């Protein structure tokens, strides 16, 4: 998002956005972080890197089967994720049974969706 009002700053910001979303920067980001590049043209630049580092290739090979990221409707999405995370934590640490955890997640989620 470019919020600058000054035309020169807008121009510079746009140049940066084009660079950072372009294949060269996306390839560098993928090599450094292991994240999947968001620019498909980066794949050609990454071919030698992926050959030497096959574990990094995994994310990139999943692009064709990736689906949309689900978000809860309304304004409580973050609160829902946090509430669910907290219950899952209790279940994982043996402080709550999976059955009780499921009931608690369902109740908290329904309450926050109202």
PDB file of N, CA and C in Angstrom:
ATOM      1  N   UNK A   1       0.849  -1.155   0.000  1.00  0.00           N
ATOM      2  CA  UNK A   1       0.000   0.000   0.000  1.00  0.00           C
ATOM      3  C   UNK A   1       0.902   1.228   0.000  1.00  0.00           C
ATOM      4  N   UNK A   2       0.639   2.127  -0.877  1.00  0.00           N
ATOM      5  CA  UNK A   2       1.401   3.368  -0.948  1.00  0.00           C
ATOM      6  C   UNK A   2       0.523   4.485  -0.410  1.00  0.00           C
ATOM      7  N   UNK A   3       0.975   5.108   0.665  1.00  0.00           N
ATOM      8  CA  UNK A   3       0.194   6.160   1.313  1.00  0.00           C
ATOM      9  C   UNK A   3       0.773   7.548   1.103  1.00  0.00           C
ATOM     10  N   UNK A   4       1.920   7.623   0.454  1.00  0.00           N
ATOM     11  CA  UNK A   4       2.571   8.919   0.262  1.00  0.00           C
ATOM     12  C   UNK A   4       1.696   9.848  -0.569  1.00  0.00           C
ATOM     13  N   UNK A   5       1.705  11.095  -0.227  1.00  0.00           N
ATOM     14  CA  UNK A   5       0.962  12.117  -0.978  1.00  0.00           C
ATOM     15  C   UNK A   5       1.870  12.828  -1.978  1.00  0.00           C
ATOM     16  N   UNK A   6       3.139  12.931  -1.631  1.00  0.00           N
ATOM     17  CA  UNK A   6       4.112  13.603  -2.490  1.00  0.00           C
ATOM     18  C   UNK A   6       4.346  12.773  -3.755  1.00  0.00           C
ATOM     19  N   UNK A   7       4.185  13.364  -4.945  1.00  0.00           N
ATOM     20  CA  UNK A   7       4.335  12.608  -6.195  1.00  0.00           C
ATOM     21  C   UNK A   7       5.698  11.922  -6.339  1.00  0.00           C
ATOM     22  N   UNK A   8       6.759  12.561  -5.889  1.00  0.00           N
ATOM     23  CA  UNK A   8       8.089  11.949  -5.995  1.00  0.00           C
ATOM     24  C   UNK A   8       8.199  10.727  -5.079  1.00  0.00           C
ATOM     25  N   UNK A   9       7.659  10.836  -3.870  1.00  0.00           N
ATOM     26  CA  UNK A   9       7.669   9.695  -2.951  1.00  0.00           C
ATOM     27  C   UNK A   9       6.779   8.577  -3.479  1.00  0.00           C
ATOM     28  N   UNK A  10       5.662   8.923  -4.104  1.00  0.00           N
ATOM     29  CA  UNK A  10       4.799   7.910  -4.701  1.00  0.00           C
ATOM     30  C   UNK A  10       5.545   7.155  -5.800  1.00  0.00           C
ATOM     31  N   UNK A  11       6.262   7.906  -6.625  1.00  0.00           N
ATOM     32  CA  UNK A  11       7.024   7.298  -7.722  1.00  0.00           C
ATOM     33  C   UNK A  11       8.084   6.345  -7.172  1.00  0.00           C
ATOM     34  N   UNK A  12       8.821   6.784  -6.152  1.00  0.00           N
ATOM     35  CA  UNK A  12       9.851   5.943  -5.556  1.00  0.00           C
ATOM     36  C   UNK A  12       9.245   4.710  -4.883  1.00  0.00           C
ATOM     37  N   UNK A  13       8.137   4.901  -4.202  1.00  0.00           N
ATOM     38  CA  UNK A  13       7.468   3.778  -3.543  1.00  0.00           C
ATOM     39  C   UNK A  13       6.989   2.766  -4.582  1.00  0.00           C
ATOM     40  N   UNK A  14       6.445   3.257  -5.685  1.00  0.00           N
ATOM     41  CA  UNK A  14       5.975   2.359  -6.739  1.00  0.00           C
ATOM     42  C   UNK A  14       7.138   1.564  -7.335  1.00  0.00           C
ATOM     43  N   UNK A  15       8.277   2.216  -7.527  1.00  0.00           N
ATOM     44  CA  UNK A  15       9.456   1.515  -8.043  1.00  0.00           C
ATOM     45  C   UNK A  15       9.889   0.411  -7.075  1.00  0.00           C
ATOM     46  N   UNK A  16       9.826   0.701  -5.777  1.00  0.00           N
ATOM     47  CA  UNK A  16      10.175  -0.310  -4.786  1.00  0.00           C
ATOM     48  C   UNK A  16       9.189  -1.476  -4.822  1.00  0.00           C
ATOM     49  N   UNK A  17       7.897  -1.184  -4.896  1.00  0.00           N
ATOM     50  CA  UNK A  17       6.886  -2.244  -4.940  1.00  0.00           C
ATOM     51  C   UNK A  17       7.111  -3.125  -6.165  1.00  0.00           C
ATOM     52  N   UNK A  18       7.383  -2.512  -7.305  1.00  0.00           N
ATOM     53  CA  UNK A  18       7.647  -3.298  -8.517  1.00  0.00           C
ATOM     54  C   UNK A  18       8.884  -4.172  -8.348  1.00  0.00           C
ATOM     55  N   UNK A  19       9.932  -3.621  -7.705  1.00  0.00           N
ATOM     56  CA  UNK A  19      11.146  -4.404  -7.493  1.00  0.00           C
ATOM     57  C   UNK A  19      10.891  -5.579  -6.546  1.00  0.00           C
ATOM     58  N   UNK A  20      10.303  -5.304  -5.399  1.00  0.00           N
ATOM     59  CA  UNK A  20      10.159  -6.341  -4.369  1.00  0.00           C
ATOM     60  C   UNK A  20       9.199  -7.452  -4.790  1.00  0.00           C
ATOM     61  N   UNK A  21       8.289  -7.167  -5.703  1.00  0.00           N
ATOM     62  CA  UNK A  21       7.378  -8.198  -6.201  1.00  0.00           C
ATOM     63  C   UNK A  21       7.874  -8.824  -7.502  1.00  0.00           C
ATOM     64  N   UNK A  22       8.976  -8.327  -8.015  1.00  0.00           N
ATOM     65  CA  UNK A  22       9.545  -8.843  -9.258  1.00  0.00           C
ATOM     66  C   UNK A  22      10.307 -10.142  -9.055  1.00  0.00           C
ATOM     67  N   UNK A  23      10.677 -10.797 -10.153  1.00  0.00           N
ATOM     68  CA  UNK A  23      11.314 -12.110 -10.051  1.00  0.00           C
ATOM     69  C   UNK A  23      12.662 -12.110  -9.320  1.00  0.00           C
ATOM     70  N   UNK A  24      13.493 -11.097  -9.526  1.00  0.00           N
ATOM     71  CA  UNK A  24      14.811 -11.093  -8.888  1.00  0.00           C
ATOM     72  C   UNK A  24      14.690 -11.011  -7.363  1.00  0.00           C
ATOM     73  N   UNK A  25      13.898 -10.067  -6.874  1.00  0.00           N
ATOM     74  CA  UNK A  25      13.734  -9.930  -5.419  1.00  0.00           C
ATOM     75  C   UNK A  25      13.020 -11.145  -4.841  1.00  0.00           C
ATOM     76  N   UNK A  26      12.023 -11.661  -5.538  1.00  0.00           N
ATOM     77  CA  UNK A  26      11.308 -12.832  -5.039  1.00  0.00           C
ATOM     78  C   UNK A  26      12.234 -14.042  -4.952  1.00  0.00           C
ATOM     79  N   UNK A  27      13.144 -14.166  -5.922  1.00  0.00           N
ATOM     80  CA  UNK A  27      14.114 -15.263  -5.866  1.00  0.00           C
ATOM     81  C   UNK A  27      15.025 -15.102  -4.651  1.00  0.00           C
ATOM     82  N   UNK A  28      15.483 -13.900  -4.394  1.00  0.00           N
ATOM     83  CA  UNK A  28      16.341 -13.662  -3.222  1.00  0.00           C
ATOM     84  C   UNK A  28      15.606 -13.974  -1.927  1.00  0.00           C
ATOM     85  N   UNK A  29      14.352 -13.555  -1.857  1.00  0.00           N
ATOM     86  CA  UNK A  29      13.553 -13.809  -0.656  1.00  0.00           C
ATOM     87  C   UNK A  29      13.364 -15.312  -0.456  1.00  0.00           C
ATOM     88  N   UNK A  30      13.064 -16.032  -1.525  1.00  0.00           N
ATOM     89  CA  UNK A  30      12.863 -17.483  -1.436  1.00  0.00           C
ATOM     90  C   UNK A  30      14.148 -18.182  -0.983  1.00  0.00           C
ATOM     91  N   UNK A  31      15.285 -17.768  -1.517  1.00  0.00           N
ATOM     92  CA  UNK A  31      16.556 -18.374  -1.120  1.00  0.00           C
ATOM     93  C   UNK A  31      16.879 -18.104   0.349  1.00  0.00           C
ATOM     94  N   UNK A  32      16.531 -16.932   0.809  1.00  0.00           N
ATOM     95  CA  UNK A  32      16.866 -16.530   2.171  1.00  0.00           C
ATOM     96  C   UNK A  32      15.916 -17.125   3.210  1.00  0.00           C
ATOM     97  N   UNK A  33      14.633 -17.184   2.880  1.00  0.00           N
ATOM     98  CA  UNK A  33      13.628 -17.568   3.878  1.00  0.00           C
ATOM     99  C   UNK A  33      13.040 -18.952   3.680  1.00  0.00           C
ATOM    100  N   UNK A  34      13.067 -19.460   2.459  1.00  0.00           N
ATOM    101  CA  UNK A  34      12.394 -20.711   2.165  1.00  0.00           C
ATOM    102  C   UNK A  34      10.934 -20.530   1.795  1.00  0.00           C
ATOM    103  N   UNK A  35      10.455 -19.287   1.851  1.00  0.00           N
ATOM    104  CA  UNK A  35       9.067 -19.026   1.465  1.00  0.00           C
ATOM    105  C   UNK A  35       8.900 -19.200  -0.033  1.00  0.00           C
ATOM    106  N   UNK A  36       7.672 -19.506  -0.431  1.00  0.00           N
ATOM    107  CA  UNK A  36       7.358 -19.641  -1.837  1.00  0.00           C
ATOM    108  C   UNK A  36       7.366 -18.260  -2.481  1.00  0.00           C
ATOM    109  N   UNK A  37       8.054 -18.093  -3.612  1.00  0.00           N
ATOM    110  CA  UNK A  37       8.010 -16.791  -4.278  1.00  0.00           C
ATOM    111  C   UNK A  37       6.607 -16.507  -4.795  1.00  0.00           C
ATOM    112  N   UNK A  38       6.209 -15.246  -4.748  1.00  0.00           N
ATOM    113  CA  UNK A  38       4.880 -14.879  -5.225  1.00  0.00           C
ATOM    114  C   UNK A  38       4.889 -14.508  -6.700  1.00  0.00           C
ATOM    115  N   UNK A  39       6.048 -14.471  -7.296  1.00  0.00           N
ATOM    116  CA  UNK A  39       6.174 -14.162  -8.715  1.00  0.00           C
ATOM    117  C   UNK A  39       6.596 -15.443  -9.436  1.00  0.00           C
ATOM    118  N   UNK A  40       5.755 -15.923 -10.356  1.00  0.00           N
ATOM    119  CA  UNK A  40       6.030 -17.184 -11.044  1.00  0.00           C
ATOM    120  C   UNK A  40       7.310 -17.136 -11.874  1.00  0.00           C
ATOM    121  N   UNK A  41       7.704 -15.945 -12.319  1.00  0.00           N
ATOM    122  CA  UNK A  41       8.923 -15.829 -13.122  1.00  0.00           C
ATOM    123  C   UNK A  41      10.176 -16.090 -12.289  1.00  0.00           C
ATOM    124  N   UNK A  42      10.046 -16.055 -10.976  1.00  0.00           N
ATOM    125  CA  UNK A  42      11.193 -16.332 -10.107  1.00  0.00           C
ATOM    126  C   UNK A  42      11.610 -17.797 -10.200  1.00  0.00           C
ATOM    127  N   UNK A  43      10.720 -18.672 -10.606  1.00  0.00           N
ATOM    128  CA  UNK A  43      11.023 -20.106 -10.666  1.00  0.00           C
ATOM    129  C   UNK A  43      12.222 -20.387 -11.563  1.00  0.00           C
ATOM    130  N   UNK A  44      12.301 -19.721 -12.699  1.00  0.00           N
ATOM    131  CA  UNK A  44      13.435 -19.935 -13.602  1.00  0.00           C
ATOM    132  C   UNK A  44      14.741 -19.501 -12.948  1.00  0.00           C
ATOM    133  N   UNK A  45      14.704 -18.419 -12.209  1.00  0.00           N
ATOM    134  CA  UNK A  45      15.907 -17.945 -11.522  1.00  0.00           C
ATOM    135  C   UNK A  45      16.308 -18.869 -10.376  1.00  0.00           C
ATOM    136  N   UNK A  46      15.320 -19.550  -9.812  1.00  0.00           N
ATOM    137  CA  UNK A  46      15.572 -20.416  -8.662  1.00  0.00           C
ATOM    138  C   UNK A  46      15.942 -21.845  -9.026  1.00  0.00           C
ATOM    139  N   UNK A  47      15.850 -22.207 -10.292  1.00  0.00           N
ATOM    140  CA  UNK A  47      16.105 -23.596 -10.694  1.00  0.00           C
ATOM    141  C   UNK A  47      17.451 -24.121 -10.190  1.00  0.00           C
ATOM    142  N   UNK A  48      18.564 -23.391 -10.369  1.00  0.00           N
ATOM    143  CA  UNK A  48      19.836 -23.908  -9.847  1.00  0.00           C
ATOM    144  C   UNK A  48      19.844 -24.022  -8.316  1.00  0.00           C
ATOM    145  N   UNK A  49      19.247 -23.064  -7.649  1.00  0.00           N
ATOM    146  CA  UNK A  49      19.181 -23.091  -6.186  1.00  0.00           C
ATOM    147  C   UNK A  49      18.368 -24.292  -5.715  1.00  0.00           C
ATOM    148  N   UNK A  50      17.215 -24.531  -6.346  1.00  0.00           N
ATOM    149  CA  UNK A  50      16.378 -25.662  -5.965  1.00  0.00           C
ATOM    150  C   UNK A  50      17.070 -26.996  -6.247  1.00  0.00           C
ATOM    151  N   UNK A  51      17.877 -27.050  -7.290  1.00  0.00           N
ATOM    152  CA  UNK A  51      18.615 -28.288  -7.578  1.00  0.00           C
ATOM    153  C   UNK A  51      19.600 -28.602  -6.460  1.00  0.00           C
ATOM    154  N   UNK A  52      20.226 -27.563  -5.935  1.00  0.00           N
ATOM    155  CA  UNK A  52      21.195 -27.743  -4.852  1.00  0.00           C
ATOM    156  C   UNK A  52      20.539 -27.850  -3.481  1.00  0.00           C
ATOM    157  N   UNK A  53      19.333 -27.345  -3.355  1.00  0.00           N
ATOM    158  CA  UNK A  53      18.612 -27.307  -2.080  1.00  0.00           C
ATOM    159  C   UNK A  53      17.184 -27.808  -2.271  1.00  0.00           C
ATOM    160  N   UNK A  54      17.003 -29.106  -2.488  1.00  0.00           N
ATOM    161  CA  UNK A  54      15.663 -29.615  -2.832  1.00  0.00           C
ATOM    162  C   UNK A  54      14.598 -29.371  -1.771  1.00  0.00           C
ATOM    163  N   UNK A  55      14.965 -29.252  -0.510  1.00  0.00           N
ATOM    164  CA  UNK A  55      13.951 -28.992   0.523  1.00  0.00           C
ATOM    165  C   UNK A  55      13.298 -27.634   0.347  1.00  0.00           C
ATOM    166  N   UNK A  56      14.005 -26.684  -0.223  1.00  0.00           N
ATOM    167  CA  UNK A  56      13.438 -25.357  -0.463  1.00  0.00           C
ATOM    168  C   UNK A  56      12.407 -25.394  -1.594  1.00  0.00           C
ATOM    169  N   UNK A  57      12.511 -26.367  -2.467  1.00  0.00           N
ATOM    170  CA  UNK A  57      11.620 -26.467  -3.621  1.00  0.00           C
ATOM    171  C   UNK A  57      10.204 -26.866  -3.219  1.00  0.00           C
ATOM    172  N   UNK A  58      10.042 -27.507  -2.075  1.00  0.00           N
ATOM    173  CA  UNK A  58       8.755 -28.058  -1.667  1.00  0.00           C
ATOM    174  C   UNK A  58       7.637 -27.024  -1.717  1.00  0.00           C
ATOM    175  N   UNK A  59       7.841 -25.869  -1.112  1.00  0.00           N
ATOM    176  CA  UNK A  59       6.782 -24.846  -1.093  1.00  0.00           C
ATOM    177  C   UNK A  59       6.411 -24.420  -2.503  1.00  0.00           C
ATOM    178  N   UNK A  60       7.402 -24.242  -3.345  1.00  0.00           N
ATOM    179  CA  UNK A  60       7.133 -23.781  -4.712  1.00  0.00           C
ATOM    180  C   UNK A  60       6.345 -24.804  -5.517  1.00  0.00           C
ATOM    181  N   UNK A  61       6.540 -26.086  -5.233  1.00  0.00           N
ATOM    182  CA  UNK A  61       5.812 -27.109  -5.993  1.00  0.00           C
ATOM    183  C   UNK A  61       4.367 -27.227  -5.548  1.00  0.00           C
ATOM    184  N   UNK A  62       4.014 -26.593  -4.445  1.00  0.00           N
ATOM    185  CA  UNK A  62       2.653 -26.661  -3.931  1.00  0.00           C
ATOM    186  C   UNK A  62       1.748 -25.558  -4.486  1.00  0.00           C
ATOM    187  N   UNK A  63       2.296 -24.609  -5.207  1.00  0.00           N
ATOM    188  CA  UNK A  63       1.525 -23.448  -5.682  1.00  0.00           C
ATOM    189  C   UNK A  63       0.294 -23.854  -6.483  1.00  0.00           C
ATOM    190  N   UNK A  64       0.425 -24.852  -7.316  1.00  0.00           N
ATOM    191  CA  UNK A  64      -0.687 -25.233  -8.192  1.00  0.00           C
ATOM    192  C   UNK A  64      -1.843 -25.884  -7.437  1.00  0.00           C
ATOM    193  N   UNK A  65      -1.581 -26.403  -6.244  1.00  0.00           N
ATOM    194  CA  UNK A  65      -2.654 -27.052  -5.487  1.00  0.00           C
ATOM    195  C   UNK A  65      -3.086 -26.224  -4.276  1.00  0.00           C
ATOM    196  N   UNK A  66      -2.485 -25.061  -4.127  1.00  0.00           N
ATOM    197  CA  UNK A  66      -2.837 -24.201  -2.985  1.00  0.00           C
ATOM    198  C   UNK A  66      -4.244 -23.648  -3.166  1.00  0.00           C
ATOM    199  N   UNK A  67      -4.925 -23.457  -2.067  1.00  0.00           N
ATOM    200  CA  UNK A  67      -6.280 -22.909  -2.094  1.00  0.00           C
ATOM    201  C   UNK A  67      -6.318 -21.561  -1.392  1.00  0.00           C
ATOM    202  N   UNK A  68      -7.452 -20.950  -1.387  1.00  0.00           N
ATOM    203  CA  UNK A  68      -7.563 -19.653  -0.718  1.00  0.00           C
ATOM    204  C   UNK A  68      -7.414 -19.811   0.790  1.00  0.00           C
ATOM    205  N   UNK A  69      -6.926 -18.780   1.427  1.00  0.00           N
ATOM    206  CA  UNK A  69      -6.778 -18.768   2.881  1.00  0.00           C
ATOM    207  C   UNK A  69      -8.132 -18.453   3.489  1.00  0.00           C
ATOM    208  N   UNK A  70      -8.601 -19.322   4.362  1.00  0.00           N
ATOM    209  CA  UNK A  70      -9.921 -19.134   4.963  1.00  0.00           C
ATOM    210  C   UNK A  70      -9.842 -18.107   6.084  1.00  0.00           C
ATOM    211  N   UNK A  71     -10.821 -17.259   6.146  1.00  0.00           N
ATOM    212  CA  UNK A  71     -10.939 -16.308   7.259  1.00  0.00           C
ATOM    213  C   UNK A  71     -12.377 -16.365   7.766  1.00  0.00           C
ATOM    214  N   UNK A  72     -12.528 -16.217   9.066  1.00  0.00           N
ATOM    215  CA  UNK A  72     -13.869 -16.205   9.636  1.00  0.00           C
ATOM    216  C   UNK A  72     -14.573 -14.906   9.259  1.00  0.00           C
ATOM    217  N   UNK A  73     -15.866 -14.957   9.018  1.00  0.00           N
ATOM    218  CA  UNK A  73     -16.602 -13.729   8.694  1.00  0.00           C
ATOM    219  C   UNK A  73     -16.701 -12.812   9.911  1.00  0.00           C
ATOM    220  N   UNK A  74     -16.870 -11.555   9.661  1.00  0.00           N
ATOM    221  CA  UNK A  74     -17.022 -10.594  10.751  1.00  0.00           C
ATOM    222  C   UNK A  74     -15.687 -10.051  11.216  1.00  0.00           C
ATOM    223  N   UNK A  75     -15.720  -9.357  12.326  1.00  0.00           N
ATOM    224  CA  UNK A  75     -14.524  -8.659  12.800  1.00  0.00           C
ATOM    225  C   UNK A  75     -13.788  -9.395  13.919  1.00  0.00           C
ATOM    226  N   UNK A  76     -14.208 -10.597  14.267  1.00  0.00           N
ATOM    227  CA  UNK A  76     -13.582 -11.315  15.374  1.00  0.00           C
ATOM    228  C   UNK A  76     -12.644 -12.431  14.934  1.00  0.00           C
ATOM    229  N   UNK A  77     -12.208 -12.413  13.697  1.00  0.00           N
ATOM    230  CA  UNK A  77     -11.360 -13.490  13.189  1.00  0.00           C
ATOM    231  C   UNK A  77     -10.123 -13.739  14.027  1.00  0.00           C
ATOM    232  N   UNK A  78      -9.413 -12.698  14.376  1.00  0.00           N
ATOM    233  CA  UNK A  78      -8.195 -12.855  15.166  1.00  0.00           C
ATOM    234  C   UNK A  78      -8.522 -13.424  16.542  1.00  0.00           C
ATOM    235  N   UNK A  79      -9.588 -12.934  17.150  1.00  0.00           N
ATOM    236  CA  UNK A  79      -9.973 -13.435  18.466  1.00  0.00           C
ATOM    237  C   UNK A  79     -10.357 -14.916  18.401  1.00  0.00           C
ATOM    238  N   UNK A  80     -11.005 -15.316  17.323  1.00  0.00           N
ATOM    239  CA  UNK A  80     -11.379 -16.726  17.157  1.00  0.00           C
ATOM    240  C   UNK A  80     -10.129 -17.595  17.068  1.00  0.00           C
ATOM    241  N   UNK A  81      -9.179 -17.192  16.226  1.00  0.00           N
ATOM    242  CA  UNK A  81      -7.935 -17.967  16.090  1.00  0.00           C
ATOM    243  C   UNK A  81      -7.214 -18.068  17.432  1.00  0.00           C
ATOM    244  N   UNK A  82      -7.166 -16.968  18.174  1.00  0.00           N
ATOM    245  CA  UNK A  82      -6.481 -16.991  19.477  1.00  0.00           C
ATOM    246  C   UNK A  82      -7.191 -17.909  20.471  1.00  0.00           C
ATOM    247  N   UNK A  83      -8.503 -17.833  20.507  1.00  0.00           N
ATOM    248  CA  UNK A  83      -9.263 -18.693  21.424  1.00  0.00           C
ATOM    249  C   UNK A  83      -9.040 -20.159  21.071  1.00  0.00           C
ATOM    250  N   UNK A  84      -9.061 -20.476  19.799  1.00  0.00           N
ATOM    251  CA  UNK A  84      -8.839 -21.856  19.371  1.00  0.00           C
ATOM    252  C   UNK A  84      -7.421 -22.304  19.711  1.00  0.00           C
ATOM    253  N   UNK A  85      -6.466 -21.439  19.466  1.00  0.00           N
ATOM    254  CA  UNK A  85      -5.071 -21.770  19.779  1.00  0.00           C
ATOM    255  C   UNK A  85      -4.912 -22.084  21.265  1.00  0.00           C
ATOM    256  N   UNK A  86      -5.545 -21.289  22.110  1.00  0.00           N
ATOM    257  CA  UNK A  86      -5.425 -21.508  23.550  1.00  0.00           C
ATOM    258  C   UNK A  86      -6.012 -22.852  23.972  1.00  0.00           C
ATOM    259  N   UNK A  87      -7.136 -23.225  23.384  1.00  0.00           N
ATOM    260  CA  UNK A  87      -7.744 -24.517  23.707  1.00  0.00           C
ATOM    261  C   UNK A  87      -6.860 -25.652  23.200  1.00  0.00           C
ATOM    262  N   UNK A  88      -6.360 -25.522  21.994  1.00  0.00           N
ATOM    263  CA  UNK A  88      -5.476 -26.557  21.435  1.00  0.00           C
ATOM    264  C   UNK A  88      -4.247 -26.731  22.324  1.00  0.00           C
ATOM    265  N   UNK A  89      -3.718 -25.636  22.828  1.00  0.00           N
ATOM    266  CA  UNK A  89      -2.576 -25.699  23.734  1.00  0.00           C
ATOM    267  C   UNK A  89      -2.909 -26.515  24.982  1.00  0.00           C
ATOM    268  N   UNK A  90      -4.083 -26.290  25.543  1.00  0.00           N
ATOM    269  CA  UNK A  90      -4.499 -27.041  26.729  1.00  0.00           C
ATOM    270  C   UNK A  90      -4.611 -28.535  26.434  1.00  0.00           C
ATOM    271  N   UNK A  91      -5.151 -28.855  25.264  1.00  0.00           N
ATOM    272  CA  UNK A  91      -5.292 -30.263  24.875  1.00  0.00           C
ATOM    273  C   UNK A  91      -3.904 -30.886  24.679  1.00  0.00           C
ATOM    274  N   UNK A  92      -3.020 -30.183  24.002  1.00  0.00           N
ATOM    275  CA  UNK A  92      -1.688 -30.724  23.742  1.00  0.00           C
ATOM    276  C   UNK A  92      -0.896 -30.952  25.028  1.00  0.00           C
ATOM    277  N   UNK A  93      -1.137 -30.139  26.031  1.00  0.00           N
ATOM    278  CA  UNK A  93      -0.418 -30.291  27.290  1.00  0.00           C
ATOM    279  C   UNK A  93      -1.132 -31.226  28.266  1.00  0.00           C
ATOM    280  N   UNK A  94      -2.223 -31.840  27.817  1.00  0.00           N
ATOM    281  CA  UNK A  94      -2.931 -32.808  28.645  1.00  0.00           C
ATOM    282  C   UNK A  94      -3.776 -32.194  29.747  1.00  0.00           C
ATOM    283  N   UNK A  95      -4.035 -30.894  29.654  1.00  0.00           N
ATOM    284  CA  UNK A  95      -4.833 -30.224  30.684  1.00  0.00           C
ATOM    285  C   UNK A  95      -6.319 -30.219  30.340  1.00  0.00           C
ATOM    286  N   UNK A  96      -6.640 -30.696  29.156  1.00  0.00           N
ATOM    287  CA  UNK A  96      -8.022 -30.747  28.696  1.00  0.00           C
ATOM    288  C   UNK A  96      -8.122 -31.930  27.739  1.00  0.00           C
ATOM    289  N   UNK A  97      -9.181 -32.710  27.854  1.00  0.00           N
ATOM    290  CA  UNK A  97      -9.333 -33.860  26.949  1.00  0.00           C
ATOM    291  C   UNK A  97      -9.669 -33.361  25.549  1.00  0.00           C
ATOM    292  N   UNK A  98      -9.340 -34.138  24.528  1.00  0.00           N
ATOM    293  CA  UNK A  98      -9.699 -33.731  23.170  1.00  0.00           C
ATOM    294  C   UNK A  98     -11.204 -33.501  23.010  1.00  0.00           C
ATOM    295  N   UNK A  99     -12.013 -34.330  23.656  1.00  0.00           N
ATOM    296  CA  UNK A  99     -13.473 -34.180  23.552  1.00  0.00           C
ATOM    297  C   UNK A  99     -13.935 -32.862  24.174  1.00  0.00           C
ATOM    298  N   UNK A 100     -13.396 -32.539  25.354  1.00  0.00           N
ATOM    299  CA  UNK A 100     -13.756 -31.275  25.995  1.00  0.00           C
ATOM    300  C   UNK A 100     -13.186 -30.088  25.223  1.00  0.00           C
ATOM    301  N   UNK A 101     -12.009 -30.286  24.652  1.00  0.00           N
ATOM    302  CA  UNK A 101     -11.407 -29.226  23.843  1.00  0.00           C
ATOM    303  C   UNK A 101     -12.251 -28.904  22.623  1.00  0.00           C
ATOM    304  N   UNK A 102     -12.762 -29.941  21.968  1.00  0.00           N
ATOM    305  CA  UNK A 102     -13.621 -29.737  20.803  1.00  0.00           C
ATOM    306  C   UNK A 102     -14.879 -28.978  21.185  1.00  0.00           C
ATOM    307  N   UNK A 103     -15.491 -29.371  22.307  1.00  0.00           N
ATOM    308  CA  UNK A 103     -16.698 -28.669  22.770  1.00  0.00           C
ATOM    309  C   UNK A 103     -16.389 -27.203  23.064  1.00  0.00           C
ATOM    310  N   UNK A 104     -15.250 -26.966  23.735  1.00  0.00           N
ATOM    311  CA  UNK A 104     -14.886 -25.594  24.098  1.00  0.00           C
ATOM    312  C   UNK A 104     -14.596 -24.749  22.853  1.00  0.00           C
ATOM    313  N   UNK A 105     -13.886 -25.322  21.892  1.00  0.00           N
ATOM    314  CA  UNK A 105     -13.607 -24.591  20.646  1.00  0.00           C
ATOM    315  C   UNK A 105     -14.908 -24.258  19.932  1.00  0.00           C
ATOM    316  N   UNK A 106     -15.810 -25.226  19.839  1.00  0.00           N
ATOM    317  CA  UNK A 106     -17.080 -24.997  19.148  1.00  0.00           C
ATOM    318  C   UNK A 106     -17.883 -23.888  19.825  1.00  0.00           C
ATOM    319  N   UNK A 107     -17.929 -23.921  21.146  1.00  0.00           N
ATOM    320  CA  UNK A 107     -18.690 -22.907  21.890  1.00  0.00           C
ATOM    321  C   UNK A 107     -18.073 -21.513  21.734  1.00  0.00           C
ATOM    322  N   UNK A 108     -16.742 -21.436  21.941  1.00  0.00           N
ATOM    323  CA  UNK A 108     -16.077 -20.134  21.844  1.00  0.00           C
ATOM    324  C   UNK A 108     -16.177 -19.556  20.435  1.00  0.00           C
ATOM    325  N   UNK A 109     -16.008 -20.419  19.442  1.00  0.00           N
ATOM    326  CA  UNK A 109     -16.100 -19.960  18.053  1.00  0.00           C
ATOM    327  C   UNK A 109     -17.503 -19.456  17.751  1.00  0.00           C
ATOM    328  N   UNK A 110     -18.519 -20.222  18.132  1.00  0.00           N
ATOM    329  CA  UNK A 110     -19.918 -19.803  17.891  1.00  0.00           C
ATOM    330  C   UNK A 110     -20.220 -18.483  18.588  1.00  0.00           C
ATOM    331  N   UNK A 111     -19.734 -18.343  19.829  1.00  0.00           N
ATOM    332  CA  UNK A 111     -19.985 -17.093  20.568  1.00  0.00           C
ATOM    333  C   UNK A 111     -19.344 -15.890  19.865  1.00  0.00           C
ATOM    334  N   UNK A 112     -18.137 -16.091  19.370  1.00  0.00           N
ATOM    335  CA  UNK A 112     -17.427 -14.975  18.725  1.00  0.00           C
ATOM    336  C   UNK A 112     -17.953 -14.670  17.318  1.00  0.00           C
ATOM    337  N   UNK A 113     -18.671 -15.612  16.727  1.00  0.00           N
ATOM    338  CA  UNK A 113     -19.259 -15.369  15.411  1.00  0.00           C
ATOM    339  C   UNK A 113     -20.584 -14.632  15.479  1.00  0.00           C
ATOM    340  N   UNK A 114     -21.148 -14.491  16.680  1.00  0.00           N
ATOM    341  CA  UNK A 114     -22.450 -13.813  16.832  1.00  0.00           C
ATOM    342  C   UNK A 114     -22.322 -12.330  16.593  1.00  0.00           C
TER     343      UNK A 114
END
